[in-house]
């Protein structure tokens, strides 16, 4: 299926291609699930195939098999894109193009590059060999060095309006609970596809927060169950819930679309402490996988939630996460 919300992006790219004004290095940014990788695959097809078949990026996307195409990503058994991968890529880019149409290299997610890997790519980004096009895909722009950002033309890909996203998703699977899935996914259609399977998990997590927030249940037991889930999913979900609670409080409302936390729970808390809590969650999200004890971190978050965020309000903003990770009970 065509990702029709990328029409403006595709038209601009094709117009620049016809005018010979394409950049040699681009950075695709935007929310997770908006179709950045599909856009990267489409760019490669447009550049390397004389007669590309697709007018727009597609779902699911297809990485073309081509001798002048290189797709660099995080190895399954590692957490980062290392310097050896980038050095090997640079060596290949310095070879002559097989078909004379130049070369395309895609690095995703670029924010997974180590500092040394990113530094080794700088000269190639600034002066790519031959007719090379470098495409970087970033899920978290804030984790990219400024030197990388300054050498790429940034293209922000946005999610479509909710009605358009729901129409697209309903064509994919008519009658599914797309409204709830899309809101959990933050409005990104491709993320909603995965969120559809996570709706029941999200519902259970919402009930867990409600029980703990009312002073009942065991934060330790809930943390043990949550620790069996993907930590990224848990922290992303929790961050979104607290962010929605903050927005609702700022607007003087009791609820917001997608917010599952009962207002009776939020009324027990000083809502100013939600900002502190959100900061701790988001800094945990930014930690590399394996750099902290997941269950211990979840215990800290849930114990503080069960206590009405009173401890969070006492934490200095710069030390909140360290204190959260340090205490067990």
C-alpha atoms as a PDB file:
ATOM      1  CA  UNK A   1       0.000   0.000   0.000  1.00  0.00           C
ATOM      2  CA  UNK A   2       1.186   3.500  -0.805  1.00  0.00           C
ATOM      3  CA  UNK A   3       2.063   5.754   2.110  1.00  0.00           C
ATOM      4  CA  UNK A   4      -0.075   8.531   0.695  1.00  0.00           C
ATOM      5  CA  UNK A   5       0.807  11.019   3.433  1.00  0.00           C
ATOM      6  CA  UNK A   6       4.275  11.179   1.840  1.00  0.00           C
ATOM      7  CA  UNK A   7       2.961  12.743  -1.372  1.00  0.00           C
ATOM      8  CA  UNK A   8       4.433  16.174  -0.684  1.00  0.00           C
ATOM      9  CA  UNK A   9       7.807  14.685   0.232  1.00  0.00           C
ATOM     10  CA  UNK A  10       7.854  12.492  -2.907  1.00  0.00           C
ATOM     11  CA  UNK A  11       6.843  15.363  -5.205  1.00  0.00           C
ATOM     12  CA  UNK A  12       9.525  17.642  -3.777  1.00  0.00           C
ATOM     13  CA  UNK A  13      12.153  14.923  -4.159  1.00  0.00           C
ATOM     14  CA  UNK A  14      11.212  14.181  -7.768  1.00  0.00           C
ATOM     15  CA  UNK A  15      11.104  17.882  -8.643  1.00  0.00           C
ATOM     16  CA  UNK A  16      14.585  18.401  -7.245  1.00  0.00           C
ATOM     17  CA  UNK A  17      15.797  15.311  -9.070  1.00  0.00           C
ATOM     18  CA  UNK A  18      14.561  16.665 -12.406  1.00  0.00           C
ATOM     19  CA  UNK A  19      16.236  19.996 -11.701  1.00  0.00           C
ATOM     20  CA  UNK A  20      19.498  18.323 -10.672  1.00  0.00           C
ATOM     21  CA  UNK A  21      19.307  19.840  -7.197  1.00  0.00           C
ATOM     22  CA  UNK A  22      19.346  16.737  -5.014  1.00  0.00           C
ATOM     23  CA  UNK A  23      21.578  16.885  -1.930  1.00  0.00           C
ATOM     24  CA  UNK A  24      24.394  14.384  -1.514  1.00  0.00           C
ATOM     25  CA  UNK A  25      23.480  13.658   2.119  1.00  0.00           C
ATOM     26  CA  UNK A  26      20.003  13.699   3.672  1.00  0.00           C
ATOM     27  CA  UNK A  27      18.728  13.029   7.171  1.00  0.00           C
ATOM     28  CA  UNK A  28      15.192  11.644   7.433  1.00  0.00           C
ATOM     29  CA  UNK A  29      13.577  12.441  10.765  1.00  0.00           C
ATOM     30  CA  UNK A  30      10.135  12.092  12.271  1.00  0.00           C
ATOM     31  CA  UNK A  31       8.146  10.002  14.751  1.00  0.00           C
ATOM     32  CA  UNK A  32       8.666   6.262  14.942  1.00  0.00           C
ATOM     33  CA  UNK A  33       6.138   4.623  12.620  1.00  0.00           C
ATOM     34  CA  UNK A  34       5.744   7.477  10.160  1.00  0.00           C
ATOM     35  CA  UNK A  35       7.528   5.614   7.346  1.00  0.00           C
ATOM     36  CA  UNK A  36      11.087   6.955   7.349  1.00  0.00           C
ATOM     37  CA  UNK A  37      12.651   3.655   6.310  1.00  0.00           C
ATOM     38  CA  UNK A  38      10.075   3.207   3.567  1.00  0.00           C
ATOM     39  CA  UNK A  39      10.991   6.690   2.337  1.00  0.00           C
ATOM     40  CA  UNK A  40      14.692   5.774   2.401  1.00  0.00           C
ATOM     41  CA  UNK A  41      14.056   2.600   0.384  1.00  0.00           C
ATOM     42  CA  UNK A  42      12.001   4.627  -2.110  1.00  0.00           C
ATOM     43  CA  UNK A  43      14.793   7.181  -2.489  1.00  0.00           C
ATOM     44  CA  UNK A  44      17.249   4.369  -3.256  1.00  0.00           C
ATOM     45  CA  UNK A  45      14.902   2.930  -5.874  1.00  0.00           C
ATOM     46  CA  UNK A  46      14.409   6.302  -7.516  1.00  0.00           C
ATOM     47  CA  UNK A  47      18.165   6.846  -7.681  1.00  0.00           C
ATOM     48  CA  UNK A  48      19.338   3.433  -8.857  1.00  0.00           C
ATOM     49  CA  UNK A  49      16.535   2.000 -10.984  1.00  0.00           C
ATOM     50  CA  UNK A  50      16.037   3.520 -14.453  1.00  0.00           C
ATOM     51  CA  UNK A  51      12.282   2.892 -14.267  1.00  0.00           C
ATOM     52  CA  UNK A  52      11.195   2.739 -10.606  1.00  0.00           C
ATOM     53  CA  UNK A  53       7.780   1.150 -10.183  1.00  0.00           C
ATOM     54  CA  UNK A  54       6.446   3.039  -7.194  1.00  0.00           C
ATOM     55  CA  UNK A  55       5.370   6.675  -7.237  1.00  0.00           C
ATOM     56  CA  UNK A  56       5.309   6.774  -3.432  1.00  0.00           C
ATOM     57  CA  UNK A  57       6.971   4.946  -0.536  1.00  0.00           C
ATOM     58  CA  UNK A  58       5.204   1.656   0.152  1.00  0.00           C
ATOM     59  CA  UNK A  59       4.141  -0.527   3.065  1.00  0.00           C
ATOM     60  CA  UNK A  60       5.665  -2.968   3.536  1.00  0.00           C
ATOM     61  CA  UNK A  61       8.765  -1.472   1.980  1.00  0.00           C
ATOM     62  CA  UNK A  62      11.222  -3.423  -0.133  1.00  0.00           C
ATOM     63  CA  UNK A  63      14.969  -2.920  -0.065  1.00  0.00           C
ATOM     64  CA  UNK A  64      16.138  -3.226  -3.653  1.00  0.00           C
ATOM     65  CA  UNK A  65      18.888  -5.719  -4.389  1.00  0.00           C
ATOM     66  CA  UNK A  66      21.423  -3.717  -6.323  1.00  0.00           C
ATOM     67  CA  UNK A  67      25.249  -3.814  -6.503  1.00  0.00           C
ATOM     68  CA  UNK A  68      25.423  -0.054  -5.859  1.00  0.00           C
ATOM     69  CA  UNK A  69      23.142  -0.161  -2.809  1.00  0.00           C
ATOM     70  CA  UNK A  70      24.280  -0.515   0.811  1.00  0.00           C
ATOM     71  CA  UNK A  71      21.938  -0.652   3.823  1.00  0.00           C
ATOM     72  CA  UNK A  72      23.707  -0.355   7.179  1.00  0.00           C
ATOM     73  CA  UNK A  73      21.775  -1.099  10.364  1.00  0.00           C
ATOM     74  CA  UNK A  74      22.367  -2.234  13.947  1.00  0.00           C
ATOM     75  CA  UNK A  75      23.477  -5.885  14.066  1.00  0.00           C
ATOM     76  CA  UNK A  76      21.019  -8.206  15.799  1.00  0.00           C
ATOM     77  CA  UNK A  77      23.554  -9.174  18.453  1.00  0.00           C
ATOM     78  CA  UNK A  78      24.625  -5.582  19.208  1.00  0.00           C
ATOM     79  CA  UNK A  79      23.170  -2.314  20.426  1.00  0.00           C
ATOM     80  CA  UNK A  80      25.121   0.067  18.207  1.00  0.00           C
ATOM     81  CA  UNK A  81      26.419   0.635  14.692  1.00  0.00           C
ATOM     82  CA  UNK A  82      30.169   0.373  15.067  1.00  0.00           C
ATOM     83  CA  UNK A  83      33.145   2.012  13.459  1.00  0.00           C
ATOM     84  CA  UNK A  84      34.091  -1.164  11.561  1.00  0.00           C
ATOM     85  CA  UNK A  85      30.709  -1.120   9.770  1.00  0.00           C
ATOM     86  CA  UNK A  86      31.178   2.502   8.746  1.00  0.00           C
ATOM     87  CA  UNK A  87      34.772   1.982   7.636  1.00  0.00           C
ATOM     88  CA  UNK A  88      33.705  -0.958   5.470  1.00  0.00           C
ATOM     89  CA  UNK A  89      30.924   1.174   3.991  1.00  0.00           C
ATOM     90  CA  UNK A  90      33.316   4.012   3.164  1.00  0.00           C
ATOM     91  CA  UNK A  91      35.704   1.585   1.460  1.00  0.00           C
ATOM     92  CA  UNK A  92      32.860   0.257  -0.726  1.00  0.00           C
ATOM     93  CA  UNK A  93      31.667   3.759  -1.615  1.00  0.00           C
ATOM     94  CA  UNK A  94      35.140   4.590  -2.904  1.00  0.00           C
ATOM     95  CA  UNK A  95      34.877   1.807  -5.487  1.00  0.00           C
ATOM     96  CA  UNK A  96      33.567   2.521  -8.983  1.00  0.00           C
ATOM     97  CA  UNK A  97      29.813   2.333  -9.464  1.00  0.00           C
ATOM     98  CA  UNK A  98      28.767  -0.924 -11.144  1.00  0.00           C
ATOM     99  CA  UNK A  99      26.099   0.616 -13.382  1.00  0.00           C
ATOM    100  CA  UNK A 100      27.311   4.185 -13.567  1.00  0.00           C
ATOM    101  CA  UNK A 101      24.267   5.667 -11.808  1.00  0.00           C
ATOM    102  CA  UNK A 102      26.159   6.364  -8.617  1.00  0.00           C
ATOM    103  CA  UNK A 103      25.822   4.669  -5.247  1.00  0.00           C
ATOM    104  CA  UNK A 104      23.311   4.880  -2.404  1.00  0.00           C
ATOM    105  CA  UNK A 105      24.070   4.152   1.240  1.00  0.00           C
ATOM    106  CA  UNK A 106      21.394   4.111   3.943  1.00  0.00           C
ATOM    107  CA  UNK A 107      22.336   4.158   7.628  1.00  0.00           C
ATOM    108  CA  UNK A 108      19.529   3.440  10.077  1.00  0.00           C
ATOM    109  CA  UNK A 109      18.996   4.278  12.768  1.00  0.00           C
ATOM    110  CA  UNK A 110      21.796   6.789  12.500  1.00  0.00           C
ATOM    111  CA  UNK A 111      21.371   7.617  16.187  1.00  0.00           C
ATOM    112  CA  UNK A 112      22.698   4.110  16.963  1.00  0.00           C
ATOM    113  CA  UNK A 113      26.148   4.990  15.619  1.00  0.00           C
ATOM    114  CA  UNK A 114      28.896   5.126  18.213  1.00  0.00           C
ATOM    115  CA  UNK A 115      30.774   8.410  18.511  1.00  0.00           C
ATOM    116  CA  UNK A 116      33.755   6.905  16.682  1.00  0.00           C
ATOM    117  CA  UNK A 117      31.509   5.552  13.922  1.00  0.00           C
ATOM    118  CA  UNK A 118      29.825   8.941  13.495  1.00  0.00           C
ATOM    119  CA  UNK A 119      33.175  10.728  13.401  1.00  0.00           C
ATOM    120  CA  UNK A 120      34.500   8.346  10.757  1.00  0.00           C
ATOM    121  CA  UNK A 121      31.530   9.193   8.528  1.00  0.00           C
ATOM    122  CA  UNK A 122      31.999  12.975   8.683  1.00  0.00           C
ATOM    123  CA  UNK A 123      34.443  13.392   5.806  1.00  0.00           C
ATOM    124  CA  UNK A 124      32.344  11.152   3.543  1.00  0.00           C
ATOM    125  CA  UNK A 125      29.215  13.147   4.374  1.00  0.00           C
ATOM    126  CA  UNK A 126      30.988  16.366   3.483  1.00  0.00           C
ATOM    127  CA  UNK A 127      32.671  15.078   0.321  1.00  0.00           C
ATOM    128  CA  UNK A 128      31.043  11.815  -0.804  1.00  0.00           C
ATOM    129  CA  UNK A 129      33.020   9.920  -3.459  1.00  0.00           C
ATOM    130  CA  UNK A 130      31.710  10.001  -7.009  1.00  0.00           C
ATOM    131  CA  UNK A 131      27.971  10.328  -7.427  1.00  0.00           C
ATOM    132  CA  UNK A 132      27.111   8.941  -3.989  1.00  0.00           C
ATOM    133  CA  UNK A 133      23.909   9.644  -2.069  1.00  0.00           C
ATOM    134  CA  UNK A 134      23.977   9.082   1.692  1.00  0.00           C
ATOM    135  CA  UNK A 135      20.640   8.699   3.507  1.00  0.00           C
ATOM    136  CA  UNK A 136      20.580   8.735   7.287  1.00  0.00           C
ATOM    137  CA  UNK A 137      17.426   7.756   9.169  1.00  0.00           C
ATOM    138  CA  UNK A 138      17.084   8.990  12.760  1.00  0.00           C
ATOM    139  CA  UNK A 139      14.446   8.074  15.309  1.00  0.00           C
ATOM    140  CA  UNK A 140      16.039  10.331  17.948  1.00  0.00           C
ATOM    141  CA  UNK A 141      17.685  13.388  16.459  1.00  0.00           C
ATOM    142  CA  UNK A 142      18.876  14.524  19.884  1.00  0.00           C
ATOM    143  CA  UNK A 143      21.306  11.611  20.035  1.00  0.00           C
ATOM    144  CA  UNK A 144      23.080  12.636  16.830  1.00  0.00           C
ATOM    145  CA  UNK A 145      26.267  14.725  17.033  1.00  0.00           C
ATOM    146  CA  UNK A 146      25.886  18.295  15.805  1.00  0.00           C
ATOM    147  CA  UNK A 147      28.651  17.615  13.277  1.00  0.00           C
ATOM    148  CA  UNK A 148      26.464  14.981  11.587  1.00  0.00           C
ATOM    149  CA  UNK A 149      23.424  17.281  11.572  1.00  0.00           C
ATOM    150  CA  UNK A 150      25.389  20.113   9.983  1.00  0.00           C
ATOM    151  CA  UNK A 151      26.472  17.966   7.029  1.00  0.00           C
ATOM    152  CA  UNK A 152      23.038  16.643   6.038  1.00  0.00           C
ATOM    153  CA  UNK A 153      19.949  18.205   4.553  1.00  0.00           C
ATOM    154  CA  UNK A 154      17.228  17.404   7.042  1.00  0.00           C
ATOM    155  CA  UNK A 155      13.829  16.217   5.819  1.00  0.00           C
ATOM    156  CA  UNK A 156      11.133  15.959   8.496  1.00  0.00           C
ATOM    157  CA  UNK A 157       8.469  13.361   7.748  1.00  0.00           C
ATOM    158  CA  UNK A 158       5.230  13.895   9.647  1.00  0.00           C
ATOM    159  CA  UNK A 159       2.243  11.730  10.443  1.00  0.00           C
ATOM    160  CA  UNK A 160      -1.024  12.379   8.578  1.00  0.00           C
ATOM    161  CA  UNK A 161      -4.109  13.851  10.260  1.00  0.00           C
ATOM    162  CA  UNK A 162      -5.975  11.302  12.379  1.00  0.00           C
ATOM    163  CA  UNK A 163      -8.862  10.915   9.915  1.00  0.00           C
ATOM    164  CA  UNK A 164      -6.492  10.213   7.015  1.00  0.00           C
ATOM    165  CA  UNK A 165      -4.460   7.785   9.116  1.00  0.00           C
ATOM    166  CA  UNK A 166      -7.597   5.904  10.178  1.00  0.00           C
ATOM    167  CA  UNK A 167      -8.788   5.695   6.575  1.00  0.00           C
ATOM    168  CA  UNK A 168      -5.436   4.223   5.504  1.00  0.00           C
ATOM    169  CA  UNK A 169      -5.367   1.746   8.393  1.00  0.00           C
ATOM    170  CA  UNK A 170      -8.952   0.622   7.789  1.00  0.00           C
ATOM    171  CA  UNK A 171      -8.020  -0.232   4.204  1.00  0.00           C
ATOM    172  CA  UNK A 172      -5.226  -2.367   5.621  1.00  0.00           C
ATOM    173  CA  UNK A 173      -7.444  -4.234   8.093  1.00  0.00           C
ATOM    174  CA  UNK A 174     -11.110  -3.210   8.067  1.00  0.00           C
ATOM    175  CA  UNK A 175     -12.959  -3.116  11.362  1.00  0.00           C
ATOM    176  CA  UNK A 176      -9.916  -3.275  13.660  1.00  0.00           C
ATOM    177  CA  UNK A 177      -9.673  -1.085  16.773  1.00  0.00           C
ATOM    178  CA  UNK A 178      -7.555   1.450  14.945  1.00  0.00           C
ATOM    179  CA  UNK A 179      -8.648   4.525  16.903  1.00  0.00           C
ATOM    180  CA  UNK A 180      -7.220   3.193  20.162  1.00  0.00           C
ATOM    181  CA  UNK A 181      -4.138   1.766  18.443  1.00  0.00           C
ATOM    182  CA  UNK A 182      -3.409   5.038  16.622  1.00  0.00           C
ATOM    183  CA  UNK A 183      -3.677   7.074  19.811  1.00  0.00           C
ATOM    184  CA  UNK A 184      -1.395   4.714  21.677  1.00  0.00           C
ATOM    185  CA  UNK A 185       1.065   5.062  18.784  1.00  0.00           C
ATOM    186  CA  UNK A 186       1.000   8.852  18.990  1.00  0.00           C
ATOM    187  CA  UNK A 187      -0.686   9.242  15.608  1.00  0.00           C
ATOM    188  CA  UNK A 188       1.917   7.371  13.528  1.00  0.00           C
ATOM    189  CA  UNK A 189       0.110   4.874  11.249  1.00  0.00           C
ATOM    190  CA  UNK A 190       2.852   2.264  10.950  1.00  0.00           C
ATOM    191  CA  UNK A 191       3.408   2.308  14.711  1.00  0.00           C
ATOM    192  CA  UNK A 192      -0.347   1.781  15.121  1.00  0.00           C
ATOM    193  CA  UNK A 193      -0.032  -1.556  13.314  1.00  0.00           C
ATOM    194  CA  UNK A 194       2.194  -2.817  16.104  1.00  0.00           C
ATOM    195  CA  UNK A 195       0.147  -1.044  18.746  1.00  0.00           C
ATOM    196  CA  UNK A 196      -2.951  -2.954  17.668  1.00  0.00           C
ATOM    197  CA  UNK A 197      -1.372  -6.112  19.053  1.00  0.00           C
ATOM    198  CA  UNK A 198      -0.372  -4.258  22.210  1.00  0.00           C
ATOM    199  CA  UNK A 199      -3.838  -2.918  23.088  1.00  0.00           C
ATOM    200  CA  UNK A 200      -4.552  -5.649  25.612  1.00  0.00           C
ATOM    201  CA  UNK A 201      -1.147  -5.201  27.205  1.00  0.00           C
ATOM    202  CA  UNK A 202      -1.754  -1.447  27.386  1.00  0.00           C
ATOM    203  CA  UNK A 203      -5.131  -2.034  28.992  1.00  0.00           C
ATOM    204  CA  UNK A 204      -3.582  -4.243  31.679  1.00  0.00           C
ATOM    205  CA  UNK A 205      -0.809  -1.698  32.306  1.00  0.00           C
ATOM    206  CA  UNK A 206      -3.421   1.035  32.648  1.00  0.00           C
ATOM    207  CA  UNK A 207      -5.279  -1.016  35.240  1.00  0.00           C
ATOM    208  CA  UNK A 208      -1.998  -1.628  37.080  1.00  0.00           C
ATOM    209  CA  UNK A 209      -1.333   2.119  37.292  1.00  0.00           C
ATOM    210  CA  UNK A 210      -4.891   2.707  38.502  1.00  0.00           C
ATOM    211  CA  UNK A 211      -4.637   0.129  41.280  1.00  0.00           C
ATOM    212  CA  UNK A 212      -1.222   1.335  42.441  1.00  0.00           C
ATOM    213  CA  UNK A 213      -2.287   4.968  42.225  1.00  0.00           C
ATOM    214  CA  UNK A 214      -5.161   4.250  44.610  1.00  0.00           C
ATOM    215  CA  UNK A 215      -2.790   2.835  47.161  1.00  0.00           C
ATOM    216  CA  UNK A 216      -3.562  -0.796  46.511  1.00  0.00           C
ATOM    217  CA  UNK A 217      -1.575  -3.672  45.033  1.00  0.00           C
ATOM    218  CA  UNK A 218       2.171  -4.303  45.034  1.00  0.00           C
ATOM    219  CA  UNK A 219       4.525  -2.144  43.008  1.00  0.00           C
ATOM    220  CA  UNK A 220       7.148  -4.898  43.252  1.00  0.00           C
ATOM    221  CA  UNK A 221       4.821  -7.508  41.727  1.00  0.00           C
ATOM    222  CA  UNK A 222       3.712  -5.150  38.956  1.00  0.00           C
ATOM    223  CA  UNK A 223       7.349  -4.260  38.186  1.00  0.00           C
ATOM    224  CA  UNK A 224       8.183  -7.966  37.915  1.00  0.00           C
ATOM    225  CA  UNK A 225       5.418  -8.417  35.316  1.00  0.00           C
ATOM    226  CA  UNK A 226       6.380  -5.267  33.397  1.00  0.00           C
ATOM    227  CA  UNK A 227      10.044  -6.338  33.359  1.00  0.00           C
ATOM    228  CA  UNK A 228       9.049  -9.310  31.181  1.00  0.00           C
ATOM    229  CA  UNK A 229       7.854  -6.911  28.469  1.00  0.00           C
ATOM    230  CA  UNK A 230      10.017  -4.952  26.053  1.00  0.00           C
ATOM    231  CA  UNK A 231      11.499  -2.100  28.163  1.00  0.00           C
ATOM    232  CA  UNK A 232      11.258   0.339  25.264  1.00  0.00           C
ATOM    233  CA  UNK A 233       7.560  -0.371  24.857  1.00  0.00           C
ATOM    234  CA  UNK A 234       6.906   0.071  28.585  1.00  0.00           C
ATOM    235  CA  UNK A 235       8.838   3.329  28.862  1.00  0.00           C
ATOM    236  CA  UNK A 236       7.364   4.776  25.652  1.00  0.00           C
ATOM    237  CA  UNK A 237       3.854   3.903  26.833  1.00  0.00           C
ATOM    238  CA  UNK A 238       4.460   5.339  30.294  1.00  0.00           C
ATOM    239  CA  UNK A 239       6.020   8.501  28.872  1.00  0.00           C
ATOM    240  CA  UNK A 240       3.017   9.054  26.632  1.00  0.00           C
ATOM    241  CA  UNK A 241       0.568   8.532  29.506  1.00  0.00           C
ATOM    242  CA  UNK A 242       2.333  11.026  31.748  1.00  0.00           C
ATOM    243  CA  UNK A 243       2.724  13.488  28.871  1.00  0.00           C
ATOM    244  CA  UNK A 244      -1.019  13.299  28.193  1.00  0.00           C
ATOM    245  CA  UNK A 245      -1.705  13.809  31.901  1.00  0.00           C
ATOM    246  CA  UNK A 246       0.520  16.911  31.902  1.00  0.00           C
ATOM    247  CA  UNK A 247      -1.261  18.320  28.824  1.00  0.00           C
ATOM    248  CA  UNK A 248      -4.677  17.615  30.306  1.00  0.00           C
ATOM    249  CA  UNK A 249      -3.703  19.328  33.568  1.00  0.00           C
ATOM    250  CA  UNK A 250      -2.327  22.362  31.711  1.00  0.00           C
ATOM    251  CA  UNK A 251      -5.596  22.684  29.798  1.00  0.00           C
ATOM    252  CA  UNK A 252      -7.675  22.298  32.943  1.00  0.00           C
ATOM    253  CA  UNK A 253      -9.232  19.041  31.730  1.00  0.00           C
ATOM    254  CA  UNK A 254      -9.758  15.768  33.549  1.00  0.00           C
ATOM    255  CA  UNK A 255      -8.791  13.614  30.589  1.00  0.00           C
ATOM    256  CA  UNK A 256      -7.301  13.532  27.090  1.00  0.00           C
ATOM    257  CA  UNK A 257      -7.615  11.216  24.110  1.00  0.00           C
ATOM    258  CA  UNK A 258      -5.537   8.133  24.817  1.00  0.00           C
ATOM    259  CA  UNK A 259      -5.104   8.838  28.533  1.00  0.00           C
ATOM    260  CA  UNK A 260      -5.992   5.757  30.580  1.00  0.00           C
ATOM    261  CA  UNK A 261      -4.998   7.063  34.006  1.00  0.00           C
ATOM    262  CA  UNK A 262      -8.108   7.623  36.117  1.00  0.00           C
ATOM    263  CA  UNK A 263      -8.512  11.254  37.176  1.00  0.00           C
ATOM    264  CA  UNK A 264      -9.240  10.126  40.724  1.00  0.00           C
ATOM    265  CA  UNK A 265      -5.662   8.827  40.790  1.00  0.00           C
ATOM    266  CA  UNK A 266      -4.218  12.048  39.390  1.00  0.00           C
ATOM    267  CA  UNK A 267      -6.097  14.100  41.992  1.00  0.00           C
ATOM    268  CA  UNK A 268      -4.073  12.345  44.706  1.00  0.00           C
ATOM    269  CA  UNK A 269      -0.900  13.834  43.290  1.00  0.00           C
ATOM    270  CA  UNK A 270       0.659  17.244  43.051  1.00  0.00           C
ATOM    271  CA  UNK A 271       0.534  17.468  39.272  1.00  0.00           C
ATOM    272  CA  UNK A 272       3.616  19.642  39.215  1.00  0.00           C
ATOM    273  CA  UNK A 273       5.523  16.495  40.146  1.00  0.00           C
ATOM    274  CA  UNK A 274       4.401  14.908  36.876  1.00  0.00           C
ATOM    275  CA  UNK A 275       7.101  16.953  35.134  1.00  0.00           C
ATOM    276  CA  UNK A 276       9.768  15.473  37.398  1.00  0.00           C
ATOM    277  CA  UNK A 277       8.386  11.988  36.818  1.00  0.00           C
ATOM    278  CA  UNK A 278       8.263  12.486  33.038  1.00  0.00           C
ATOM    279  CA  UNK A 279      11.870  13.690  33.064  1.00  0.00           C
ATOM    280  CA  UNK A 280      13.005  10.521  34.857  1.00  0.00           C
ATOM    281  CA  UNK A 281      11.089   8.292  32.429  1.00  0.00           C
ATOM    282  CA  UNK A 282      12.449  10.064  29.368  1.00  0.00           C
ATOM    283  CA  UNK A 283      16.036   9.893  30.601  1.00  0.00           C
ATOM    284  CA  UNK A 284      15.581   6.188  31.182  1.00  0.00           C
ATOM    285  CA  UNK A 285      14.335   5.935  27.584  1.00  0.00           C
ATOM    286  CA  UNK A 286      17.583   7.533  26.462  1.00  0.00           C
ATOM    287  CA  UNK A 287      19.772   4.998  28.264  1.00  0.00           C
ATOM    288  CA  UNK A 288      21.390   2.264  26.142  1.00  0.00           C
ATOM    289  CA  UNK A 289      19.832  -1.155  26.549  1.00  0.00           C
ATOM    290  CA  UNK A 290      21.571  -3.221  29.198  1.00  0.00           C
ATOM    291  CA  UNK A 291      22.996  -0.170  30.979  1.00  0.00           C
ATOM    292  CA  UNK A 292      20.575  -0.424  33.906  1.00  0.00           C
ATOM    293  CA  UNK A 293      18.606  -3.041  35.828  1.00  0.00           C
ATOM    294  CA  UNK A 294      15.174  -3.001  34.162  1.00  0.00           C
ATOM    295  CA  UNK A 295      13.197  -4.516  37.029  1.00  0.00           C
ATOM    296  CA  UNK A 296      14.896  -2.266  39.567  1.00  0.00           C
ATOM    297  CA  UNK A 297      14.151   0.788  37.437  1.00  0.00           C
ATOM    298  CA  UNK A 298      10.501  -0.223  37.065  1.00  0.00           C
ATOM    299  CA  UNK A 299      10.257  -0.852  40.795  1.00  0.00           C
ATOM    300  CA  UNK A 300      11.512   2.676  41.465  1.00  0.00           C
ATOM    301  CA  UNK A 301       9.067   4.208  39.004  1.00  0.00           C
ATOM    302  CA  UNK A 302       6.070   2.267  40.300  1.00  0.00           C
ATOM    303  CA  UNK A 303       6.875   2.712  43.985  1.00  0.00           C
ATOM    304  CA  UNK A 304       7.051   6.453  43.437  1.00  0.00           C
ATOM    305  CA  UNK A 305       3.761   6.317  41.528  1.00  0.00           C
ATOM    306  CA  UNK A 306       2.111   4.350  44.360  1.00  0.00           C
ATOM    307  CA  UNK A 307       3.310   7.021  46.796  1.00  0.00           C
ATOM    308  CA  UNK A 308       1.637   9.746  44.784  1.00  0.00           C
ATOM    309  CA  UNK A 309       4.936  11.053  43.351  1.00  0.00           C
ATOM    310  CA  UNK A 310       5.794  12.570  46.746  1.00  0.00           C
ATOM    311  CA  UNK A 311       9.383  11.315  46.563  1.00  0.00           C
ATOM    312  CA  UNK A 312       9.733  12.546  43.003  1.00  0.00           C
ATOM    313  CA  UNK A 313       8.894  16.065  44.106  1.00  0.00           C
ATOM    314  CA  UNK A 314      11.820  15.976  46.535  1.00  0.00           C
ATOM    315  CA  UNK A 315      14.361  14.906  43.903  1.00  0.00           C
ATOM    316  CA  UNK A 316      16.658  17.520  42.349  1.00  0.00           C
ATOM    317  CA  UNK A 317      15.937  17.518  38.592  1.00  0.00           C
ATOM    318  CA  UNK A 318      19.492  16.520  37.701  1.00  0.00           C
ATOM    319  CA  UNK A 319      19.618  13.649  40.198  1.00  0.00           C
ATOM    320  CA  UNK A 320      16.116  12.238  39.877  1.00  0.00           C
ATOM    321  CA  UNK A 321      16.975   9.291  37.689  1.00  0.00           C
ATOM    322  CA  UNK A 322      20.071   8.375  39.709  1.00  0.00           C
ATOM    323  CA  UNK A 323      18.054   8.335  42.919  1.00  0.00           C
ATOM    324  CA  UNK A 324      15.275   6.379  41.260  1.00  0.00           C
ATOM    325  CA  UNK A 325      17.722   3.722  40.112  1.00  0.00           C
ATOM    326  CA  UNK A 326      19.595   3.655  43.399  1.00  0.00           C
ATOM    327  CA  UNK A 327      16.726   2.828  45.711  1.00  0.00           C
ATOM    328  CA  UNK A 328      15.121  -0.600  45.812  1.00  0.00           C
ATOM    329  CA  UNK A 329      12.121  -0.186  48.125  1.00  0.00           C
END
